[in-house]
PDB file of N, CA and C in Angstrom:
ATOM      1  N   MET A   1     133.951  50.370  72.757  1.00  0.00           N
ATOM      2  CA  MET A   1     133.645  49.456  71.686  1.00  0.00           C
ATOM      3  C   MET A   1     133.183  48.121  72.249  1.00  0.00           C
ATOM      4  N   THR A   2     132.182  47.576  71.656  1.00  0.00           N
ATOM      5  CA  THR A   2     131.680  46.286  72.143  1.00  0.00           C
ATOM      6  C   THR A   2     132.486  45.140  71.544  1.00  0.00           C
ATOM      7  N   GLU A   3     132.569  44.121  72.319  1.00  0.00           N
ATOM      8  CA  GLU A   3     133.334  42.948  71.904  1.00  0.00           C
ATOM      9  C   GLU A   3     132.404  41.967  71.195  1.00  0.00           C
ATOM     10  N   LYS A   4     132.797  41.531  70.004  1.00  0.00           N
ATOM     11  CA  LYS A   4     131.986  40.576  69.250  1.00  0.00           C
ATOM     12  C   LYS A   4     132.541  39.175  69.464  1.00  0.00           C
ATOM     13  N   ARG A   5     131.630  38.266  69.684  1.00  0.00           N
ATOM     14  CA  ARG A   5     132.038  36.874  69.874  1.00  0.00           C
ATOM     15  C   ARG A   5     131.394  36.029  68.792  1.00  0.00           C
ATOM     16  N   ARG A   6     132.154  35.118  68.266  1.00  0.00           N
ATOM     17  CA  ARG A   6     131.625  34.209  67.263  1.00  0.00           C
ATOM     18  C   ARG A   6     131.111  32.951  67.934  1.00  0.00           C
ATOM     19  N   ILE A   7     129.966  32.553  67.508  1.00  0.00           N
ATOM     20  CA  ILE A   7     129.388  31.314  68.008  1.00  0.00           C
ATOM     21  C   ILE A   7     129.242  30.377  66.821  1.00  0.00           C
ATOM     22  N   HIS A   8     129.812  29.206  66.934  1.00  0.00           N
ATOM     23  CA  HIS A   8     129.719  28.212  65.870  1.00  0.00           C
ATOM     24  C   HIS A   8     128.580  27.263  66.200  1.00  0.00           C
ATOM     25  N   VAL A   9     127.502  27.434  65.506  1.00  0.00           N
ATOM     26  CA  VAL A   9     126.334  26.598  65.746  1.00  0.00           C
ATOM     27  C   VAL A   9     126.602  25.208  65.188  1.00  0.00           C
ATOM     28  N   GLY A  10     126.336  24.212  65.994  1.00  0.00           N
ATOM     29  CA  GLY A  10     126.490  22.837  65.544  1.00  0.00           C
ATOM     30  C   GLY A  10     127.894  22.293  65.651  1.00  0.00           C
ATOM     31  N   SER A  11     128.817  23.058  66.200  1.00  0.00           N
ATOM     32  CA  SER A  11     130.173  22.542  66.328  1.00  0.00           C
ATOM     33  C   SER A  11     130.262  21.633  67.547  1.00  0.00           C
ATOM     34  N   VAL A  12     131.166  20.693  67.469  1.00  0.00           N
ATOM     35  CA  VAL A  12     131.340  19.716  68.534  1.00  0.00           C
ATOM     36  C   VAL A  12     132.625  20.031  69.275  1.00  0.00           C
ATOM     37  N   ALA A  13     132.582  20.038  70.593  1.00  0.00           N
ATOM     38  CA  ALA A  13     133.758  20.380  71.391  1.00  0.00           C
ATOM     39  C   ALA A  13     134.884  19.371  71.205  1.00  0.00           C
ATOM     40  N   ASN A  14     134.569  18.106  71.198  1.00  0.00           N
ATOM     41  CA  ASN A  14     135.568  17.053  71.002  1.00  0.00           C
ATOM     42  C   ASN A  14     135.227  16.290  69.736  1.00  0.00           C
ATOM     43  N   PRO A  15     135.798  16.679  68.600  1.00  0.00           N
ATOM     44  CA  PRO A  15     135.423  16.041  67.341  1.00  0.00           C
ATOM     45  C   PRO A  15     135.820  14.571  67.299  1.00  0.00           C
ATOM     46  N   GLU A  16     134.964  13.763  66.696  1.00  0.00           N
ATOM     47  CA  GLU A  16     135.245  12.345  66.500  1.00  0.00           C
ATOM     48  C   GLU A  16     135.693  12.169  65.055  1.00  0.00           C
ATOM     49  N   GLY A  17     136.114  10.984  64.724  1.00  0.00           N
ATOM     50  CA  GLY A  17     136.471  10.700  63.347  1.00  0.00           C
ATOM     51  C   GLY A  17     137.957  10.516  63.194  1.00  0.00           C
ATOM     52  N   ILE A  18     138.553  11.299  62.333  1.00  0.00           N
ATOM     53  CA  ILE A  18     139.961  11.108  62.003  1.00  0.00           C
ATOM     54  C   ILE A  18     140.871  11.460  63.176  1.00  0.00           C
ATOM     55  N   THR A  19     140.426  12.278  64.124  1.00  0.00           N
ATOM     56  CA  THR A  19     141.263  12.608  65.279  1.00  0.00           C
ATOM     57  C   THR A  19     141.055  11.650  66.436  1.00  0.00           C
ATOM     58  N   ASN A  20     139.909  11.036  66.496  1.00  0.00           N
ATOM     59  CA  ASN A  20     139.621  10.087  67.562  1.00  0.00           C
ATOM     60  C   ASN A  20     138.784   8.959  66.981  1.00  0.00           C
ATOM     61  N   PRO A  21     139.307   7.810  66.809  1.00  0.00           N
ATOM     62  CA  PRO A  21     140.542   7.257  67.355  1.00  0.00           C
ATOM     63  C   PRO A  21     141.770   7.750  66.591  1.00  0.00           C
ATOM     64  N   PRO A  22     142.909   7.779  67.272  1.00  0.00           N
ATOM     65  CA  PRO A  22     144.149   8.238  66.636  1.00  0.00           C
ATOM     66  C   PRO A  22     144.532   7.357  65.445  1.00  0.00           C
ATOM     67  N   ILE A  23     145.031   7.980  64.415  1.00  0.00           N
ATOM     68  CA  ILE A  23     145.382   7.271  63.182  1.00  0.00           C
ATOM     69  C   ILE A  23     146.436   6.196  63.426  1.00  0.00           C
ATOM     70  N   ASP A  24     147.358   6.433  64.352  1.00  0.00           N
ATOM     71  CA  ASP A  24     148.393   5.435  64.638  1.00  0.00           C
ATOM     72  C   ASP A  24     147.793   4.143  65.179  1.00  0.00           C
ATOM     73  N   GLU A  25     146.773   4.261  66.012  1.00  0.00           N
ATOM     74  CA  GLU A  25     146.106   3.064  66.541  1.00  0.00           C
ATOM     75  C   GLU A  25     145.375   2.320  65.434  1.00  0.00           C
ATOM     76  N   LEU A  26     144.765   3.062  64.514  1.00  0.00           N
ATOM     77  CA  LEU A  26     144.052   2.436  63.406  1.00  0.00           C
ATOM     78  C   LEU A  26     145.008   1.705  62.472  1.00  0.00           C
ATOM     79  N   LEU A  27     146.178   2.294  62.236  1.00  0.00           N
ATOM     80  CA  LEU A  27     147.149   1.669  61.338  1.00  0.00           C
ATOM     81  C   LEU A  27     147.678   0.352  61.892  1.00  0.00           C
ATOM     82  N   GLU A  28     147.661   0.196  63.210  1.00  0.00           N
ATOM     83  CA  GLU A  28     148.092  -1.062  63.820  1.00  0.00           C
ATOM     84  C   GLU A  28     147.106  -2.192  63.534  1.00  0.00           C
ATOM     85  N   LYS A  29     145.888  -1.857  63.167  1.00  0.00           N
ATOM     86  CA  LYS A  29     144.838  -2.856  62.928  1.00  0.00           C
ATOM     87  C   LYS A  29     144.844  -3.394  61.502  1.00  0.00           C
ATOM     88  N   THR A  30     145.584  -2.747  60.590  1.00  0.00           N
ATOM     89  CA  THR A  30     145.607  -3.171  59.192  1.00  0.00           C
ATOM     90  C   THR A  30     147.044  -3.286  58.702  1.00  0.00           C
ATOM     91  N   THR A  31     147.187  -3.785  57.482  1.00  0.00           N
ATOM     92  CA  THR A  31     148.522  -3.996  56.923  1.00  0.00           C
ATOM     93  C   THR A  31     149.138  -2.730  56.350  1.00  0.00           C
ATOM     94  N   SER A  32     148.311  -1.758  55.945  1.00  0.00           N
ATOM     95  CA  SER A  32     148.833  -0.508  55.387  1.00  0.00           C
ATOM     96  C   SER A  32     147.775   0.582  55.483  1.00  0.00           C
ATOM     97  N   LYS A  33     148.185   1.807  55.217  1.00  0.00           N
ATOM     98  CA  LYS A  33     147.223   2.911  55.255  1.00  0.00           C
ATOM     99  C   LYS A  33     146.203   2.777  54.128  1.00  0.00           C
ATOM    100  N   TYR A  34     146.612   2.168  53.018  1.00  0.00           N
ATOM    101  CA  TYR A  34     145.697   1.966  51.900  1.00  0.00           C
ATOM    102  C   TYR A  34     144.632   0.932  52.260  1.00  0.00           C
ATOM    103  N   ALA A  35     145.057  -0.127  52.944  1.00  0.00           N
ATOM    104  CA  ALA A  35     144.111  -1.148  53.394  1.00  0.00           C
ATOM    105  C   ALA A  35     143.123  -0.546  54.390  1.00  0.00           C
ATOM    106  N   LEU A  36     143.598   0.341  55.245  1.00  0.00           N
ATOM    107  CA  LEU A  36     142.726   1.000  56.219  1.00  0.00           C
ATOM    108  C   LEU A  36     141.666   1.835  55.513  1.00  0.00           C
ATOM    109  N   VAL A  37     142.062   2.566  54.488  1.00  0.00           N
ATOM    110  CA  VAL A  37     141.123   3.410  53.744  1.00  0.00           C
ATOM    111  C   VAL A  37     140.032   2.557  53.098  1.00  0.00           C
ATOM    112  N   ILE A  38     140.430   1.479  52.438  1.00  0.00           N
ATOM    113  CA  ILE A  38     139.461   0.598  51.776  1.00  0.00           C
ATOM    114  C   ILE A  38     138.540  -0.052  52.804  1.00  0.00           C
ATOM    115  N   PHE A  39     139.129  -0.554  53.876  1.00  0.00           N
ATOM    116  CA  PHE A  39     138.392  -1.234  54.940  1.00  0.00           C
ATOM    117  C   PHE A  39     137.352  -0.303  55.565  1.00  0.00           C
ATOM    118  N   ALA A  40     137.778   0.894  55.941  1.00  0.00           N
ATOM    119  CA  ALA A  40     136.875   1.859  56.577  1.00  0.00           C
ATOM    120  C   ALA A  40     135.795   2.334  55.602  1.00  0.00           C
ATOM    121  N   ALA A  41     136.163   2.544  54.343  1.00  0.00           N
ATOM    122  CA  ALA A  41     135.187   3.012  53.354  1.00  0.00           C
ATOM    123  C   ALA A  41     134.109   1.961  53.098  1.00  0.00           C
ATOM    124  N   LYS A  42     134.508   0.698  52.996  1.00  0.00           N
ATOM    125  CA  LYS A  42     133.529  -0.372  52.777  1.00  0.00           C
ATOM    126  C   LYS A  42     132.567  -0.480  53.953  1.00  0.00           C
ATOM    127  N   ARG A  43     133.101  -0.417  55.158  1.00  0.00           N
ATOM    128  CA  ARG A  43     132.237  -0.513  56.338  1.00  0.00           C
ATOM    129  C   ARG A  43     131.333   0.710  56.447  1.00  0.00           C
ATOM    130  N   ALA A  44     131.855   1.890  56.112  1.00  0.00           N
ATOM    131  CA  ALA A  44     131.038   3.108  56.158  1.00  0.00           C
ATOM    132  C   ALA A  44     129.874   3.003  55.175  1.00  0.00           C
ATOM    133  N   ARG A  45     130.113   2.429  53.996  1.00  0.00           N
ATOM    134  CA  ARG A  45     129.028   2.229  53.032  1.00  0.00           C
ATOM    135  C   ARG A  45     127.973   1.272  53.584  1.00  0.00           C
ATOM    136  N   GLN A  46     128.420   0.231  54.292  1.00  0.00           N
ATOM    137  CA  GLN A  46     127.472  -0.709  54.899  1.00  0.00           C
ATOM    138  C   GLN A  46     126.620  -0.021  55.965  1.00  0.00           C
ATOM    139  N   VAL A  47     127.254   0.785  56.798  1.00  0.00           N
ATOM    140  CA  VAL A  47     126.522   1.508  57.848  1.00  0.00           C
ATOM    141  C   VAL A  47     125.525   2.470  57.215  1.00  0.00           C
ATOM    142  N   ASN A  48     125.945   3.171  56.171  1.00  0.00           N
ATOM    143  CA  ASN A  48     125.065   4.107  55.476  1.00  0.00           C
ATOM    144  C   ASN A  48     123.877   3.369  54.856  1.00  0.00           C
ATOM    145  N   ALA A  49     124.136   2.217  54.237  1.00  0.00           N
ATOM    146  CA  ALA A  49     123.061   1.420  53.643  1.00  0.00           C
ATOM    147  C   ALA A  49     122.107   0.913  54.722  1.00  0.00           C
ATOM    148  N   TYR A  50     122.644   0.548  55.870  1.00  0.00           N
ATOM    149  CA  TYR A  50     121.811   0.094  56.986  1.00  0.00           C
ATOM    150  C   TYR A  50     120.827   1.187  57.393  1.00  0.00           C
ATOM    151  N   TYR A  51     121.322   2.407  57.564  1.00  0.00           N
ATOM    152  CA  TYR A  51     120.447   3.513  57.954  1.00  0.00           C
ATOM    153  C   TYR A  51     119.419   3.818  56.860  1.00  0.00           C
ATOM    154  N   SER A  52     119.808   3.688  55.592  1.00  0.00           N
ATOM    155  CA  SER A  52     118.882   3.934  54.487  1.00  0.00           C
ATOM    156  C   SER A  52     117.770   2.892  54.463  1.00  0.00           C
ATOM    157  N   GLN A  53     118.124   1.640  54.745  1.00  0.00           N
ATOM    158  CA  GLN A  53     117.150   0.553  54.697  1.00  0.00           C
ATOM    159  C   GLN A  53     116.288   0.469  55.951  1.00  0.00           C
ATOM    160  N   LEU A  54     116.700   1.124  56.995  1.00  0.00           N
ATOM    161  CA  LEU A  54     115.982   1.058  58.263  1.00  0.00           C
ATOM    162  C   LEU A  54     114.526   1.493  58.114  1.00  0.00           C
ATOM    163  N   GLY A  55     114.305   2.562  57.374  1.00  0.00           N
ATOM    164  CA  GLY A  55     112.954   3.070  57.177  1.00  0.00           C
ATOM    165  C   GLY A  55     112.095   2.175  56.300  1.00  0.00           C
ATOM    166  N   GLU A  56     112.737   1.388  55.446  1.00  0.00           N
ATOM    167  CA  GLU A  56     112.007   0.514  54.533  1.00  0.00           C
ATOM    168  C   GLU A  56     111.716  -0.856  55.136  1.00  0.00           C
ATOM    169  N   GLY A  57     112.310  -1.134  56.283  1.00  0.00           N
ATOM    170  CA  GLY A  57     112.105  -2.436  56.912  1.00  0.00           C
ATOM    171  C   GLY A  57     112.985  -3.530  56.341  1.00  0.00           C
ATOM    172  N   LEU A  58     113.912  -3.179  55.475  1.00  0.00           N
ATOM    173  CA  LEU A  58     114.841  -4.153  54.898  1.00  0.00           C
ATOM    174  C   LEU A  58     116.144  -4.084  55.672  1.00  0.00           C
ATOM    175  N   LEU A  59     116.471  -5.120  56.376  1.00  0.00           N
ATOM    176  CA  LEU A  59     117.704  -5.113  57.165  1.00  0.00           C
ATOM    177  C   LEU A  59     118.695  -6.096  56.569  1.00  0.00           C
ATOM    178  N   GLU A  60     119.292  -5.678  55.458  1.00  0.00           N
ATOM    179  CA  GLU A  60     120.254  -6.500  54.739  1.00  0.00           C
ATOM    180  C   GLU A  60     121.659  -6.366  55.327  1.00  0.00           C
ATOM    181  N   TYR A  61     121.953  -5.236  55.947  1.00  0.00           N
ATOM    182  CA  TYR A  61     123.281  -4.964  56.488  1.00  0.00           C
ATOM    183  C   TYR A  61     123.246  -4.904  58.012  1.00  0.00           C
ATOM    184  N   VAL A  62     124.397  -5.136  58.621  1.00  0.00           N
ATOM    185  CA  VAL A  62     124.527  -5.053  60.077  1.00  0.00           C
ATOM    186  C   VAL A  62     124.700  -3.588  60.458  1.00  0.00           C
ATOM    187  N   GLY A  63     123.986  -3.164  61.475  1.00  0.00           N
ATOM    188  CA  GLY A  63     124.071  -1.787  61.946  1.00  0.00           C
ATOM    189  C   GLY A  63     125.351  -1.530  62.714  1.00  0.00           C
ATOM    190  N   PRO A  64     125.513  -0.330  63.228  1.00  0.00           N
ATOM    191  CA  PRO A  64     126.717   0.028  63.983  1.00  0.00           C
ATOM    192  C   PRO A  64     126.943  -0.906  65.169  1.00  0.00           C
ATOM    193  N   LEU A  65     128.197  -1.259  65.391  1.00  0.00           N
ATOM    194  CA  LEU A  65     128.572  -2.157  66.479  1.00  0.00           C
ATOM    195  C   LEU A  65     129.041  -1.402  67.712  1.00  0.00           C
ATOM    196  N   VAL A  66     129.059  -0.076  67.628  1.00  0.00           N
ATOM    197  CA  VAL A  66     129.450   0.781  68.749  1.00  0.00           C
ATOM    198  C   VAL A  66     128.316   1.767  69.011  1.00  0.00           C
ATOM    199  N   GLU A  67     128.320   2.354  70.200  1.00  0.00           N
ATOM    200  CA  GLU A  67     127.328   3.391  70.519  1.00  0.00           C
ATOM    201  C   GLU A  67     127.544   4.575  69.581  1.00  0.00           C
ATOM    202  N   THR A  68     126.462   5.102  69.036  1.00  0.00           N
ATOM    203  CA  THR A  68     126.569   6.232  68.108  1.00  0.00           C
ATOM    204  C   THR A  68     125.699   7.390  68.582  1.00  0.00           C
ATOM    205  N   THR A  69     125.968   8.543  67.987  1.00  0.00           N
ATOM    206  CA  THR A  69     125.138   9.721  68.211  1.00  0.00           C
ATOM    207  C   THR A  69     124.450  10.054  66.893  1.00  0.00           C
ATOM    208  N   PRO A  70     123.338  10.761  66.918  1.00  0.00           N
ATOM    209  CA  PRO A  70     122.608  11.057  65.678  1.00  0.00           C
ATOM    210  C   PRO A  70     123.429  11.819  64.634  1.00  0.00           C
ATOM    211  N   GLN A  71     124.353  12.668  65.061  1.00  0.00           N
ATOM    212  CA  GLN A  71     125.118  13.468  64.102  1.00  0.00           C
ATOM    213  C   GLN A  71     126.402  12.785  63.635  1.00  0.00           C
ATOM    214  N   GLU A  72     126.697  11.588  64.121  1.00  0.00           N
ATOM    215  CA  GLU A  72     127.952  10.914  63.784  1.00  0.00           C
ATOM    216  C   GLU A  72     127.916  10.363  62.359  1.00  0.00           C
ATOM    217  N   LYS A  73     128.982  10.565  61.639  1.00  0.00           N
ATOM    218  CA  LYS A  73     129.099  10.129  60.252  1.00  0.00           C
ATOM    219  C   LYS A  73     129.440   8.639  60.174  1.00  0.00           C
ATOM    220  N   PRO A  74     129.002   7.962  59.099  1.00  0.00           N
ATOM    221  CA  PRO A  74     129.303   6.536  58.943  1.00  0.00           C
ATOM    222  C   PRO A  74     130.800   6.218  58.959  1.00  0.00           C
ATOM    223  N   LEU A  75     131.630   7.089  58.400  1.00  0.00           N
ATOM    224  CA  LEU A  75     133.069   6.833  58.406  1.00  0.00           C
ATOM    225  C   LEU A  75     133.634   6.884  59.822  1.00  0.00           C
ATOM    226  N   SER A  76     133.156   7.801  60.637  1.00  0.00           N
ATOM    227  CA  SER A  76     133.597   7.876  62.036  1.00  0.00           C
ATOM    228  C   SER A  76     133.188   6.619  62.795  1.00  0.00           C
ATOM    229  N   ILE A  77     131.980   6.145  62.529  1.00  0.00           N
ATOM    230  CA  ILE A  77     131.502   4.916  63.164  1.00  0.00           C
ATOM    231  C   ILE A  77     132.392   3.747  62.760  1.00  0.00           C
ATOM    232  N   ALA A  78     132.687   3.642  61.465  1.00  0.00           N
ATOM    233  CA  ALA A  78     133.525   2.551  60.962  1.00  0.00           C
ATOM    234  C   ALA A  78     134.913   2.578  61.599  1.00  0.00           C
ATOM    235  N   MET A  79     135.502   3.745  61.722  1.00  0.00           N
ATOM    236  CA  MET A  79     136.841   3.843  62.313  1.00  0.00           C
ATOM    237  C   MET A  79     136.834   3.466  63.788  1.00  0.00           C
ATOM    238  N   ARG A  80     135.780   3.836  64.502  1.00  0.00           N
ATOM    239  CA  ARG A  80     135.696   3.444  65.913  1.00  0.00           C
ATOM    240  C   ARG A  80     135.499   1.937  66.049  1.00  0.00           C
ATOM    241  N   GLU A  81     134.743   1.331  65.138  1.00  0.00           N
ATOM    242  CA  GLU A  81     134.563  -0.122  65.149  1.00  0.00           C
ATOM    243  C   GLU A  81     135.884  -0.838  64.889  1.00  0.00           C
ATOM    244  N   ILE A  82     136.646  -0.335  63.928  1.00  0.00           N
ATOM    245  CA  ILE A  82     137.951  -0.928  63.608  1.00  0.00           C
ATOM    246  C   ILE A  82     138.878  -0.807  64.808  1.00  0.00           C
ATOM    247  N   ASN A  83     138.925   0.363  65.412  1.00  0.00           N
ATOM    248  CA  ASN A  83     139.809   0.591  66.551  1.00  0.00           C
ATOM    249  C   ASN A  83     139.436  -0.282  67.747  1.00  0.00           C
ATOM    250  N   ALA A  84     138.153  -0.540  67.927  1.00  0.00           N
ATOM    251  CA  ALA A  84     137.691  -1.368  69.048  1.00  0.00           C
ATOM    252  C   ALA A  84     137.929  -2.854  68.803  1.00  0.00           C
ATOM    253  N   GLY A  85     138.389  -3.203  67.601  1.00  0.00           N
ATOM    254  CA  GLY A  85     138.646  -4.608  67.291  1.00  0.00           C
ATOM    255  C   GLY A  85     137.382  -5.398  67.004  1.00  0.00           C
ATOM    256  N   LEU A  86     136.305  -4.712  66.673  1.00  0.00           N
ATOM    257  CA  LEU A  86     135.036  -5.381  66.399  1.00  0.00           C
ATOM    258  C   LEU A  86     134.944  -5.894  64.971  1.00  0.00           C
ATOM    259  N   LEU A  87     135.852  -5.440  64.117  1.00  0.00           N
ATOM    260  CA  LEU A  87     135.886  -5.867  62.720  1.00  0.00           C
ATOM    261  C   LEU A  87     137.280  -6.373  62.385  1.00  0.00           C
ATOM    262  N   THR A  88     137.346  -7.310  61.477  1.00  0.00           N
ATOM    263  CA  THR A  88     138.649  -7.772  60.999  1.00  0.00           C
ATOM    264  C   THR A  88     138.659  -7.729  59.480  1.00  0.00           C
ATOM    265  N   ALA A  89     139.786  -7.363  58.923  1.00  0.00           N
ATOM    266  CA  ALA A  89     139.942  -7.314  57.474  1.00  0.00           C
ATOM    267  C   ALA A  89     140.505  -8.643  57.006  1.00  0.00           C
ATOM    268  N   GLU A  90     139.831  -9.250  56.061  1.00  0.00           N
ATOM    269  CA  GLU A  90     140.294 -10.505  55.483  1.00  0.00           C
ATOM    270  C   GLU A  90     140.870 -10.206  54.106  1.00  0.00           C
ATOM    271  N   PRO A  91     142.097 -10.643  53.832  1.00  0.00           N
ATOM    272  CA  PRO A  91     142.676 -10.406  52.506  1.00  0.00           C
ATOM    273  C   PRO A  91     141.915 -11.182  51.434  1.00  0.00           C
ATOM    274  N   THR A  92     141.798 -10.574  50.263  1.00  0.00           N
ATOM    275  CA  THR A  92     141.133 -11.236  49.141  1.00  0.00           C
ATOM    276  C   THR A  92     142.163 -11.598  48.093  1.00  0.00           C
ATOM    277  N   ASP A  93     141.788 -12.473  47.204  1.00  0.00           N
ATOM    278  CA  ASP A  93     142.701 -12.925  46.151  1.00  0.00           C
ATOM    279  C   ASP A  93     142.445 -12.200  44.842  1.00  0.00           C
ATOM    280  N   ASN A  94     142.124 -10.914  44.909  1.00  0.00           N
ATOM    281  CA  ASN A  94     141.901 -10.127  43.699  1.00  0.00           C
ATOM    282  C   ASN A  94     143.229  -9.810  43.041  1.00  0.00           C
ATOM    283  N   PRO A  95     143.316 -10.031  41.710  1.00  0.00           N
ATOM    284  CA  PRO A  95     144.583  -9.717  41.014  1.00  0.00           C
ATOM    285  C   PRO A  95     144.818  -8.239  40.881  1.00  0.00           C
TER     286      PRO A  95
END
């Protein structure tokens, strides 16, 4: 009998994102896990908008502050930026 092997096309050997950087390190950068979620989501939206505007020549947002790869997701980029200390969360006075 022949042995069948599965090949996962497009899979990454060392996944980035929620596993790297470690969540414990990210939580040290913010006041709570909820603040981390909001902080990372807002930055990911900015990175996504930056890439969308790149083709139009409108550079309203700041691009990634860390080295990226073409397949890397905006949320992974945002989390690596937070972990590297390149971004700081400022509390707002929203009721």
